[in-house]
Amino acid sequence: MRKTTGSDPRESFNVGSPVWLLLSQLSQSLRQKREGVETYDVILEEGKTAENKLVYHIQMFMPGQSYPILKFILKEDAGFNPTYIEARRNGLLISRVTTDFVKIDGIFLPSKRQEMQYDESGLRRDSQRTINNTQINAQLPDKTFSIDNCGLEDGDSFVDEINNKSYIYKGEGKLVEIKKEE
């Protein structure tokens, strides 16, 4: 087994794509399937650990196939991050990934990741990464993303395109709405 350093820990939140995006896509796939569209089959099994924590086993199948192309596990005690991922091609195992998470200041971060890749002759690559020094980024001051840090000067116009309103900046974070003439 070879140990590597310098990898990107964000990989630990991906199941081919970020887990939150994949879950959204699978939800959309299930809705389409109910409407008669041929799309992925999904099996979702909910369970509990010995500590009474939720565990979700999710399997994804190509239409008409009897074996899953993707299996992954999300655990409550890991912040519902992917702790196990298994990918198959033509029924053959091509990769298996396990990830351990640690909770620091209420945030789950990866602490250990093992990735095994397979080909037709068996195990091709086995890598393990351990993150020894994990810390949470320093908290940003509330004013960081406020109107005060937009570089506006007293009298500058400001347009809120989301709410379709216009303002004039009056300094010290104050915006005065410009009423539209009808």
N, C-alpha and C. Protein backbone atom coordinates (compact mmCIF):
# COMPACT_ATOMS: atom_id res chain seq x y z
N MET A 1 0.85 -1.17 0.00
CA MET A 1 0.00 0.00 0.00
C MET A 1 0.89 1.23 0.00
N ARG A 2 0.53 2.20 -0.80
CA ARG A 2 1.29 3.43 -0.96
C ARG A 2 0.56 4.56 -0.26
N LYS A 3 1.27 5.35 0.51
CA LYS A 3 0.67 6.52 1.16
C LYS A 3 0.99 7.75 0.32
N THR A 4 -0.02 8.61 0.19
CA THR A 4 0.16 9.83 -0.59
C THR A 4 -0.11 11.04 0.28
N THR A 5 0.42 12.17 -0.13
CA THR A 5 0.18 13.42 0.59
C THR A 5 -0.24 14.48 -0.41
N GLY A 6 -0.84 15.52 0.10
CA GLY A 6 -1.14 16.67 -0.75
C GLY A 6 -2.40 16.53 -1.57
N SER A 7 -3.26 15.54 -1.31
CA SER A 7 -4.48 15.42 -2.09
C SER A 7 -5.52 16.41 -1.57
N ASP A 8 -6.54 16.59 -2.34
CA ASP A 8 -7.58 17.57 -2.02
C ASP A 8 -8.66 16.91 -1.16
N PRO A 9 -8.83 17.31 0.10
CA PRO A 9 -9.82 16.67 0.96
C PRO A 9 -11.26 16.87 0.51
N ARG A 10 -11.51 17.81 -0.41
CA ARG A 10 -12.87 18.02 -0.92
C ARG A 10 -13.37 16.80 -1.68
N GLU A 11 -12.45 15.96 -2.17
CA GLU A 11 -12.84 14.72 -2.84
C GLU A 11 -13.72 13.87 -1.95
N SER A 12 -13.55 13.98 -0.64
CA SER A 12 -14.27 13.15 0.32
C SER A 12 -15.76 13.45 0.37
N PHE A 13 -16.20 14.54 -0.24
CA PHE A 13 -17.61 14.90 -0.25
C PHE A 13 -18.27 14.57 -1.59
N ASN A 14 -17.53 13.89 -2.46
CA ASN A 14 -18.02 13.58 -3.80
C ASN A 14 -18.37 12.11 -3.95
N VAL A 15 -19.41 11.87 -4.74
CA VAL A 15 -19.79 10.54 -5.18
C VAL A 15 -19.90 10.66 -6.70
N GLY A 16 -18.78 10.87 -7.36
CA GLY A 16 -18.79 11.19 -8.78
C GLY A 16 -19.02 12.68 -8.99
N SER A 17 -19.88 13.25 -8.20
CA SER A 17 -20.14 14.69 -8.12
C SER A 17 -20.45 14.96 -6.65
N PRO A 18 -20.52 16.22 -6.24
CA PRO A 18 -20.84 16.46 -4.83
C PRO A 18 -22.13 15.73 -4.45
N VAL A 19 -22.14 15.11 -3.27
CA VAL A 19 -23.24 14.24 -2.87
C VAL A 19 -24.58 14.98 -2.90
N TRP A 20 -24.61 16.27 -2.55
CA TRP A 20 -25.87 17.00 -2.55
C TRP A 20 -26.41 17.18 -3.97
N LEU A 21 -25.52 17.30 -4.95
CA LEU A 21 -25.98 17.40 -6.34
C LEU A 21 -26.47 16.04 -6.84
N LEU A 22 -25.74 14.98 -6.51
CA LEU A 22 -26.16 13.65 -6.94
C LEU A 22 -27.52 13.29 -6.35
N LEU A 23 -27.74 13.58 -5.07
CA LEU A 23 -29.04 13.28 -4.46
C LEU A 23 -30.16 14.05 -5.14
N SER A 24 -29.90 15.29 -5.51
CA SER A 24 -30.90 16.08 -6.24
C SER A 24 -31.18 15.45 -7.60
N GLN A 25 -30.14 14.99 -8.29
CA GLN A 25 -30.32 14.36 -9.60
C GLN A 25 -31.09 13.05 -9.46
N LEU A 26 -30.80 12.28 -8.42
CA LEU A 26 -31.51 11.02 -8.22
C LEU A 26 -32.98 11.28 -7.89
N SER A 27 -33.26 12.32 -7.12
CA SER A 27 -34.64 12.69 -6.82
C SER A 27 -35.38 13.06 -8.10
N GLN A 28 -34.72 13.82 -8.96
CA GLN A 28 -35.32 14.21 -10.24
C GLN A 28 -35.55 12.96 -11.10
N SER A 29 -34.61 12.03 -11.07
CA SER A 29 -34.73 10.79 -11.83
C SER A 29 -35.95 10.00 -11.38
N LEU A 30 -36.18 9.93 -10.06
CA LEU A 30 -37.34 9.21 -9.54
C LEU A 30 -38.64 9.88 -9.98
N ARG A 31 -38.68 11.22 -9.98
CA ARG A 31 -39.87 11.93 -10.45
C ARG A 31 -40.13 11.63 -11.93
N GLN A 32 -39.07 11.64 -12.73
CA GLN A 32 -39.21 11.35 -14.16
C GLN A 32 -39.69 9.92 -14.38
N LYS A 33 -39.20 9.00 -13.58
CA LYS A 33 -39.59 7.59 -13.69
C LYS A 33 -41.09 7.45 -13.44
N ARG A 34 -41.62 8.17 -12.44
CA ARG A 34 -43.07 8.13 -12.17
C ARG A 34 -43.87 8.68 -13.34
N GLU A 35 -43.24 9.55 -14.14
CA GLU A 35 -43.92 10.12 -15.32
C GLU A 35 -43.72 9.26 -16.56
N GLY A 36 -43.05 8.09 -16.40
CA GLY A 36 -42.88 7.17 -17.52
C GLY A 36 -41.59 7.35 -18.30
N VAL A 37 -40.70 8.20 -17.86
CA VAL A 37 -39.43 8.41 -18.54
C VAL A 37 -38.45 7.31 -18.13
N GLU A 38 -37.79 6.69 -19.10
CA GLU A 38 -36.81 5.66 -18.77
C GLU A 38 -35.54 6.34 -18.26
N THR A 39 -35.21 6.08 -17.02
CA THR A 39 -34.07 6.72 -16.38
C THR A 39 -33.51 5.76 -15.34
N TYR A 40 -32.56 6.22 -14.57
CA TYR A 40 -31.93 5.38 -13.55
C TYR A 40 -32.95 4.82 -12.57
N ASP A 41 -32.70 3.58 -12.14
CA ASP A 41 -33.44 3.01 -11.02
C ASP A 41 -32.63 3.30 -9.77
N VAL A 42 -33.32 3.57 -8.68
CA VAL A 42 -32.66 3.90 -7.43
C VAL A 42 -33.29 3.08 -6.32
N ILE A 43 -32.46 2.47 -5.49
CA ILE A 43 -32.92 1.78 -4.29
C ILE A 43 -32.34 2.53 -3.11
N LEU A 44 -33.21 2.94 -2.20
CA LEU A 44 -32.81 3.64 -0.99
C LEU A 44 -33.24 2.79 0.20
N GLU A 45 -32.27 2.40 1.01
CA GLU A 45 -32.57 1.65 2.23
C GLU A 45 -32.15 2.49 3.42
N GLU A 46 -33.06 2.63 4.37
CA GLU A 46 -32.77 3.39 5.58
C GLU A 46 -32.58 2.41 6.73
N GLY A 47 -31.55 2.64 7.53
CA GLY A 47 -31.28 1.78 8.67
C GLY A 47 -30.80 2.59 9.84
N LYS A 48 -30.44 1.89 10.90
CA LYS A 48 -29.93 2.52 12.12
C LYS A 48 -28.68 1.77 12.57
N THR A 49 -27.76 2.51 13.17
CA THR A 49 -26.57 1.90 13.75
C THR A 49 -26.93 1.39 15.14
N ALA A 50 -25.99 0.71 15.78
CA ALA A 50 -26.19 0.24 17.15
C ALA A 50 -26.41 1.42 18.10
N GLU A 51 -25.89 2.59 17.73
CA GLU A 51 -26.05 3.81 18.54
C GLU A 51 -27.32 4.57 18.16
N ASN A 52 -28.19 3.94 17.35
CA ASN A 52 -29.46 4.52 16.92
C ASN A 52 -29.28 5.74 16.01
N LYS A 53 -28.22 5.75 15.23
CA LYS A 53 -27.98 6.81 14.25
C LYS A 53 -28.44 6.33 12.87
N LEU A 54 -28.98 7.24 12.06
CA LEU A 54 -29.45 6.90 10.72
C LEU A 54 -28.31 6.53 9.77
N VAL A 55 -28.61 5.59 8.89
CA VAL A 55 -27.69 5.18 7.83
C VAL A 55 -28.53 5.00 6.56
N TYR A 56 -28.08 5.57 5.45
CA TYR A 56 -28.76 5.40 4.17
C TYR A 56 -27.83 4.65 3.22
N HIS A 57 -28.35 3.53 2.66
CA HIS A 57 -27.67 2.77 1.62
C HIS A 57 -28.38 3.11 0.32
N ILE A 58 -27.65 3.62 -0.65
CA ILE A 58 -28.25 4.05 -1.91
C ILE A 58 -27.56 3.28 -3.05
N GLN A 59 -28.40 2.71 -3.92
CA GLN A 59 -27.89 1.99 -5.09
C GLN A 59 -28.51 2.60 -6.34
N MET A 60 -27.71 2.72 -7.36
CA MET A 60 -28.16 3.33 -8.62
C MET A 60 -27.93 2.31 -9.75
N PHE A 61 -28.97 2.08 -10.56
CA PHE A 61 -28.94 1.10 -11.63
C PHE A 61 -29.21 1.79 -12.97
N MET A 62 -28.53 1.35 -14.01
CA MET A 62 -28.87 1.77 -15.37
C MET A 62 -30.18 1.09 -15.74
N PRO A 63 -30.99 1.71 -16.60
CA PRO A 63 -32.26 1.08 -16.99
C PRO A 63 -32.03 -0.33 -17.56
N GLY A 64 -32.81 -1.28 -17.04
CA GLY A 64 -32.75 -2.65 -17.55
C GLY A 64 -31.62 -3.50 -17.01
N GLN A 65 -30.76 -2.95 -16.16
CA GLN A 65 -29.65 -3.75 -15.62
C GLN A 65 -29.98 -4.25 -14.22
N SER A 66 -29.46 -5.43 -13.89
CA SER A 66 -29.78 -6.05 -12.60
C SER A 66 -28.71 -5.76 -11.54
N TYR A 67 -27.61 -5.16 -11.93
CA TYR A 67 -26.55 -4.84 -10.96
C TYR A 67 -26.41 -3.32 -10.86
N PRO A 68 -26.08 -2.86 -9.66
CA PRO A 68 -25.92 -1.40 -9.50
C PRO A 68 -24.62 -0.91 -10.14
N ILE A 69 -24.68 0.28 -10.70
CA ILE A 69 -23.45 0.90 -11.21
C ILE A 69 -22.77 1.71 -10.11
N LEU A 70 -23.56 2.06 -9.09
CA LEU A 70 -23.03 2.87 -7.99
C LEU A 70 -23.77 2.51 -6.71
N LYS A 71 -23.00 2.32 -5.65
CA LYS A 71 -23.54 2.14 -4.30
C LYS A 71 -22.82 3.12 -3.40
N PHE A 72 -23.56 3.74 -2.50
CA PHE A 72 -22.88 4.57 -1.51
C PHE A 72 -23.68 4.60 -0.22
N ILE A 73 -22.97 4.91 0.86
CA ILE A 73 -23.56 4.93 2.19
C ILE A 73 -23.36 6.31 2.80
N LEU A 74 -24.44 6.85 3.35
CA LEU A 74 -24.41 8.13 4.07
C LEU A 74 -24.79 7.84 5.51
N LYS A 75 -23.96 8.31 6.45
CA LYS A 75 -24.21 8.03 7.87
C LYS A 75 -24.43 9.32 8.65
N GLU A 76 -25.42 9.28 9.52
CA GLU A 76 -25.70 10.42 10.38
C GLU A 76 -24.49 10.78 11.23
N ASP A 77 -23.81 9.76 11.78
CA ASP A 77 -22.68 10.06 12.66
C ASP A 77 -21.44 10.51 11.88
N ALA A 78 -21.58 10.70 10.57
CA ALA A 78 -20.53 11.30 9.74
C ALA A 78 -21.09 12.52 9.01
N GLY A 79 -22.16 13.09 9.54
CA GLY A 79 -22.76 14.27 8.93
C GLY A 79 -23.45 14.00 7.61
N PHE A 80 -23.88 12.75 7.38
CA PHE A 80 -24.48 12.31 6.13
C PHE A 80 -23.55 12.53 4.94
N ASN A 81 -22.27 12.45 5.19
CA ASN A 81 -21.26 12.48 4.13
C ASN A 81 -21.03 11.04 3.66
N PRO A 82 -20.54 10.85 2.43
CA PRO A 82 -20.35 9.49 1.91
C PRO A 82 -19.18 8.78 2.62
N THR A 83 -19.52 7.70 3.34
CA THR A 83 -18.49 6.93 4.05
C THR A 83 -18.05 5.71 3.27
N TYR A 84 -18.86 5.31 2.28
CA TYR A 84 -18.54 4.15 1.45
C TYR A 84 -19.08 4.41 0.05
N ILE A 85 -18.25 4.16 -0.96
CA ILE A 85 -18.66 4.33 -2.36
C ILE A 85 -18.11 3.14 -3.13
N GLU A 86 -18.97 2.55 -3.95
CA GLU A 86 -18.56 1.43 -4.78
C GLU A 86 -19.09 1.67 -6.20
N ALA A 87 -18.21 1.60 -7.18
CA ALA A 87 -18.61 1.81 -8.58
C ALA A 87 -18.34 0.54 -9.38
N ARG A 88 -19.25 0.24 -10.30
CA ARG A 88 -19.12 -0.94 -11.16
C ARG A 88 -19.33 -0.56 -12.62
N ARG A 89 -18.67 -1.31 -13.48
CA ARG A 89 -18.86 -1.17 -14.93
C ARG A 89 -19.09 -2.57 -15.47
N ASN A 90 -20.18 -2.74 -16.19
CA ASN A 90 -20.56 -4.06 -16.72
C ASN A 90 -20.59 -5.11 -15.62
N GLY A 91 -20.99 -4.72 -14.43
CA GLY A 91 -21.10 -5.63 -13.31
C GLY A 91 -19.81 -5.86 -12.55
N LEU A 92 -18.68 -5.40 -13.10
CA LEU A 92 -17.39 -5.62 -12.45
C LEU A 92 -17.01 -4.42 -11.58
N LEU A 93 -16.52 -4.73 -10.39
CA LEU A 93 -16.09 -3.69 -9.47
C LEU A 93 -14.92 -2.92 -10.06
N ILE A 94 -15.02 -1.57 -10.12
CA ILE A 94 -13.90 -0.76 -10.62
C ILE A 94 -13.29 0.11 -9.53
N SER A 95 -14.08 0.43 -8.49
CA SER A 95 -13.49 1.20 -7.39
C SER A 95 -14.31 1.04 -6.12
N ARG A 96 -13.60 1.17 -5.01
CA ARG A 96 -14.23 1.14 -3.69
C ARG A 96 -13.50 2.19 -2.85
N VAL A 97 -14.28 3.08 -2.24
CA VAL A 97 -13.70 4.16 -1.43
C VAL A 97 -14.38 4.15 -0.07
N THR A 98 -13.57 4.21 0.99
CA THR A 98 -14.11 4.38 2.34
C THR A 98 -13.49 5.64 2.93
N THR A 99 -14.31 6.39 3.65
CA THR A 99 -13.84 7.64 4.25
C THR A 99 -14.32 7.72 5.69
N ASP A 100 -13.41 8.06 6.59
CA ASP A 100 -13.75 8.33 7.99
C ASP A 100 -13.83 9.84 8.15
N PHE A 101 -14.77 10.27 8.97
CA PHE A 101 -14.94 11.70 9.24
C PHE A 101 -14.79 11.95 10.73
N VAL A 102 -14.30 13.12 11.07
CA VAL A 102 -14.16 13.56 12.45
C VAL A 102 -14.96 14.85 12.60
N LYS A 103 -15.59 15.02 13.77
CA LYS A 103 -16.39 16.21 14.01
C LYS A 103 -15.55 17.21 14.81
N ILE A 104 -15.32 18.38 14.21
CA ILE A 104 -14.55 19.44 14.86
C ILE A 104 -15.41 20.69 14.88
N ASP A 105 -15.64 21.22 16.06
CA ASP A 105 -16.47 22.42 16.23
C ASP A 105 -17.81 22.29 15.50
N GLY A 106 -18.40 21.09 15.55
CA GLY A 106 -19.71 20.86 14.96
C GLY A 106 -19.69 20.64 13.46
N ILE A 107 -18.53 20.54 12.86
CA ILE A 107 -18.40 20.36 11.41
C ILE A 107 -17.68 19.05 11.14
N PHE A 108 -18.23 18.24 10.22
CA PHE A 108 -17.62 16.97 9.87
C PHE A 108 -16.59 17.17 8.78
N LEU A 109 -15.37 16.71 9.05
CA LEU A 109 -14.27 16.82 8.10
C LEU A 109 -13.64 15.45 7.89
N PRO A 110 -13.14 15.19 6.68
CA PRO A 110 -12.52 13.89 6.42
C PRO A 110 -11.23 13.73 7.23
N SER A 111 -11.02 12.52 7.76
CA SER A 111 -9.80 12.26 8.52
C SER A 111 -8.98 11.14 7.90
N LYS A 112 -9.64 10.22 7.21
CA LYS A 112 -8.93 9.11 6.58
C LYS A 112 -9.73 8.65 5.37
N ARG A 113 -9.02 8.37 4.28
CA ARG A 113 -9.69 7.95 3.04
C ARG A 113 -8.87 6.84 2.40
N GLN A 114 -9.53 5.74 2.08
CA GLN A 114 -8.88 4.65 1.36
C GLN A 114 -9.59 4.46 0.04
N GLU A 115 -8.81 4.42 -1.02
CA GLU A 115 -9.36 4.25 -2.36
C GLU A 115 -8.69 3.06 -3.03
N MET A 116 -9.54 2.11 -3.45
CA MET A 116 -9.04 0.93 -4.15
C MET A 116 -9.62 0.93 -5.56
N GLN A 117 -8.76 0.72 -6.54
CA GLN A 117 -9.20 0.66 -7.93
C GLN A 117 -8.88 -0.72 -8.48
N TYR A 118 -9.81 -1.22 -9.29
CA TYR A 118 -9.70 -2.57 -9.82
C TYR A 118 -9.75 -2.55 -11.34
N ASP A 119 -9.15 -3.56 -11.94
CA ASP A 119 -9.32 -3.81 -13.37
C ASP A 119 -9.63 -5.29 -13.54
N GLU A 120 -9.62 -5.78 -14.78
CA GLU A 120 -10.02 -7.17 -15.03
C GLU A 120 -9.12 -8.19 -14.32
N SER A 121 -7.91 -7.80 -13.95
CA SER A 121 -7.01 -8.76 -13.28
C SER A 121 -7.06 -8.64 -11.75
N GLY A 122 -7.85 -7.72 -11.22
CA GLY A 122 -7.97 -7.58 -9.77
C GLY A 122 -7.57 -6.20 -9.29
N LEU A 123 -7.10 -6.13 -8.04
CA LEU A 123 -6.72 -4.86 -7.43
C LEU A 123 -5.55 -4.24 -8.19
N ARG A 124 -5.76 -3.03 -8.68
CA ARG A 124 -4.73 -2.33 -9.44
C ARG A 124 -4.03 -1.28 -8.59
N ARG A 125 -4.77 -0.62 -7.71
CA ARG A 125 -4.21 0.47 -6.92
C ARG A 125 -4.93 0.54 -5.59
N ASP A 126 -4.18 0.75 -4.54
CA ASP A 126 -4.74 0.89 -3.19
C ASP A 126 -4.02 2.05 -2.54
N SER A 127 -4.72 3.11 -2.27
CA SER A 127 -4.08 4.27 -1.64
C SER A 127 -4.86 4.66 -0.39
N GLN A 128 -4.12 5.12 0.58
CA GLN A 128 -4.73 5.56 1.83
C GLN A 128 -4.18 6.92 2.18
N ARG A 129 -5.08 7.82 2.53
CA ARG A 129 -4.68 9.17 2.92
C ARG A 129 -5.20 9.44 4.32
N THR A 130 -4.34 9.97 5.15
CA THR A 130 -4.72 10.34 6.50
C THR A 130 -4.43 11.81 6.68
N ILE A 131 -5.41 12.54 7.18
CA ILE A 131 -5.24 13.97 7.44
C ILE A 131 -4.97 14.10 8.93
N ASN A 132 -3.78 14.56 9.26
CA ASN A 132 -3.36 14.63 10.66
C ASN A 132 -3.66 15.97 11.32
N ASN A 133 -3.60 17.04 10.58
CA ASN A 133 -3.78 18.38 11.15
C ASN A 133 -4.99 19.03 10.49
N THR A 134 -6.14 18.88 11.11
CA THR A 134 -7.36 19.44 10.57
C THR A 134 -7.82 20.58 11.47
N GLN A 135 -8.22 21.67 10.86
CA GLN A 135 -8.75 22.78 11.63
C GLN A 135 -9.83 23.49 10.82
N ILE A 136 -10.70 24.16 11.53
CA ILE A 136 -11.77 24.93 10.90
C ILE A 136 -11.22 26.30 10.56
N ASN A 137 -11.61 26.82 9.40
CA ASN A 137 -11.19 28.17 9.03
C ASN A 137 -11.68 29.17 10.07
N ALA A 138 -10.94 30.22 10.21
CA ALA A 138 -11.34 31.29 11.14
C ALA A 138 -12.67 31.88 10.68
N GLN A 139 -13.50 32.24 11.64
CA GLN A 139 -14.80 32.82 11.32
C GLN A 139 -14.61 34.20 10.69
N LEU A 140 -15.37 34.45 9.64
CA LEU A 140 -15.31 35.74 8.97
C LEU A 140 -16.17 36.74 9.73
N PRO A 141 -15.72 37.96 9.86
CA PRO A 141 -16.54 38.98 10.52
C PRO A 141 -17.84 39.19 9.75
N ASP A 142 -18.93 39.49 10.48
CA ASP A 142 -20.24 39.68 9.86
C ASP A 142 -20.22 40.73 8.76
N LYS A 143 -19.39 41.75 8.89
CA LYS A 143 -19.37 42.85 7.91
C LYS A 143 -18.68 42.45 6.59
N THR A 144 -18.02 41.28 6.55
CA THR A 144 -17.27 40.88 5.36
C THR A 144 -18.15 40.91 4.12
N PHE A 145 -19.37 40.42 4.21
CA PHE A 145 -20.26 40.36 3.05
C PHE A 145 -21.39 41.38 3.15
N SER A 146 -21.12 42.48 3.80
CA SER A 146 -22.14 43.51 3.96
C SER A 146 -21.99 44.59 2.89
N ILE A 147 -22.95 45.46 2.84
CA ILE A 147 -22.95 46.57 1.89
C ILE A 147 -21.74 47.49 2.12
N ASP A 148 -21.24 47.52 3.37
CA ASP A 148 -20.08 48.37 3.69
C ASP A 148 -18.84 47.98 2.91
N ASN A 149 -18.72 46.73 2.52
CA ASN A 149 -17.52 46.26 1.82
C ASN A 149 -17.68 46.18 0.32
N CYS A 150 -18.68 46.86 -0.21
CA CYS A 150 -18.90 46.86 -1.66
C CYS A 150 -18.11 47.97 -2.36
N GLY A 151 -17.44 48.81 -1.60
CA GLY A 151 -16.67 49.90 -2.20
C GLY A 151 -17.53 51.07 -2.63
N LEU A 152 -18.75 51.16 -2.11
CA LEU A 152 -19.63 52.28 -2.48
C LEU A 152 -19.23 53.53 -1.70
N GLU A 153 -19.41 54.65 -2.36
CA GLU A 153 -19.18 55.94 -1.71
C GLU A 153 -20.51 56.66 -1.57
N ASP A 154 -20.58 57.58 -0.65
CA ASP A 154 -21.81 58.32 -0.38
C ASP A 154 -22.36 58.90 -1.69
N GLY A 155 -23.63 58.60 -1.99
CA GLY A 155 -24.27 59.11 -3.20
C GLY A 155 -24.27 58.11 -4.35
N ASP A 156 -23.53 57.01 -4.25
CA ASP A 156 -23.51 56.00 -5.32
C ASP A 156 -24.86 55.30 -5.43
N SER A 157 -25.23 54.95 -6.65
CA SER A 157 -26.46 54.18 -6.89
C SER A 157 -26.16 52.70 -6.74
N PHE A 158 -27.17 51.98 -6.29
CA PHE A 158 -27.04 50.54 -6.08
C PHE A 158 -28.32 49.89 -6.57
N VAL A 159 -28.22 48.85 -7.41
CA VAL A 159 -29.39 48.17 -7.94
C VAL A 159 -29.42 46.74 -7.40
N ASP A 160 -30.53 46.39 -6.77
CA ASP A 160 -30.78 45.04 -6.29
C ASP A 160 -31.59 44.35 -7.37
N GLU A 161 -30.92 43.56 -8.23
CA GLU A 161 -31.60 42.94 -9.36
C GLU A 161 -32.50 41.79 -8.94
N ILE A 162 -32.26 41.21 -7.78
CA ILE A 162 -33.10 40.12 -7.30
C ILE A 162 -34.48 40.66 -6.90
N ASN A 163 -34.49 41.74 -6.14
CA ASN A 163 -35.75 42.33 -5.69
C ASN A 163 -36.24 43.45 -6.59
N ASN A 164 -35.50 43.73 -7.66
CA ASN A 164 -35.87 44.75 -8.63
C ASN A 164 -36.10 46.11 -7.96
N LYS A 165 -35.10 46.52 -7.14
CA LYS A 165 -35.18 47.81 -6.46
C LYS A 165 -33.87 48.56 -6.67
N SER A 166 -33.97 49.89 -6.61
CA SER A 166 -32.79 50.75 -6.74
C SER A 166 -32.62 51.55 -5.46
N TYR A 167 -31.35 51.81 -5.13
CA TYR A 167 -31.04 52.52 -3.89
C TYR A 167 -29.94 53.55 -4.14
N ILE A 168 -29.82 54.49 -3.22
CA ILE A 168 -28.67 55.40 -3.15
C ILE A 168 -27.99 55.13 -1.83
N TYR A 169 -26.67 54.97 -1.89
CA TYR A 169 -25.89 54.69 -0.69
C TYR A 169 -25.66 55.99 0.06
N LYS A 170 -25.96 55.97 1.35
CA LYS A 170 -25.83 57.17 2.18
C LYS A 170 -24.73 56.99 3.24
N GLY A 171 -23.81 56.08 3.02
CA GLY A 171 -22.70 55.89 3.96
C GLY A 171 -23.11 55.06 5.16
N GLU A 172 -22.13 54.51 5.85
CA GLU A 172 -22.32 53.72 7.06
C GLU A 172 -23.35 52.61 6.89
N GLY A 173 -23.39 51.99 5.71
CA GLY A 173 -24.27 50.86 5.47
C GLY A 173 -25.71 51.22 5.20
N LYS A 174 -26.02 52.49 5.02
CA LYS A 174 -27.41 52.91 4.84
C LYS A 174 -27.73 53.03 3.36
N LEU A 175 -28.82 52.38 2.96
CA LEU A 175 -29.33 52.48 1.60
C LEU A 175 -30.70 53.14 1.66
N VAL A 176 -30.93 54.09 0.78
CA VAL A 176 -32.24 54.74 0.68
C VAL A 176 -32.84 54.32 -0.65
N GLU A 177 -34.03 53.71 -0.58
CA GLU A 177 -34.67 53.22 -1.79
C GLU A 177 -35.11 54.37 -2.67
N ILE A 178 -34.86 54.22 -3.96
CA ILE A 178 -35.31 55.18 -4.97
C ILE A 178 -36.65 54.66 -5.47
N LYS A 179 -37.69 55.40 -5.20
CA LYS A 179 -39.04 54.99 -5.61
C LYS A 179 -39.19 55.16 -7.12
N LYS A 180 -39.73 54.14 -7.77
CA LYS A 180 -39.93 54.21 -9.21
C LYS A 180 -41.19 55.01 -9.51
N GLU A 181 -41.05 55.84 -10.53
CA GLU A 181 -42.21 56.62 -10.96
C GLU A 181 -43.07 55.75 -11.85
N GLU A 182 -44.36 55.80 -11.62
CA GLU A 182 -45.24 54.93 -12.42
C GLU A 182 -45.90 55.66 -13.52
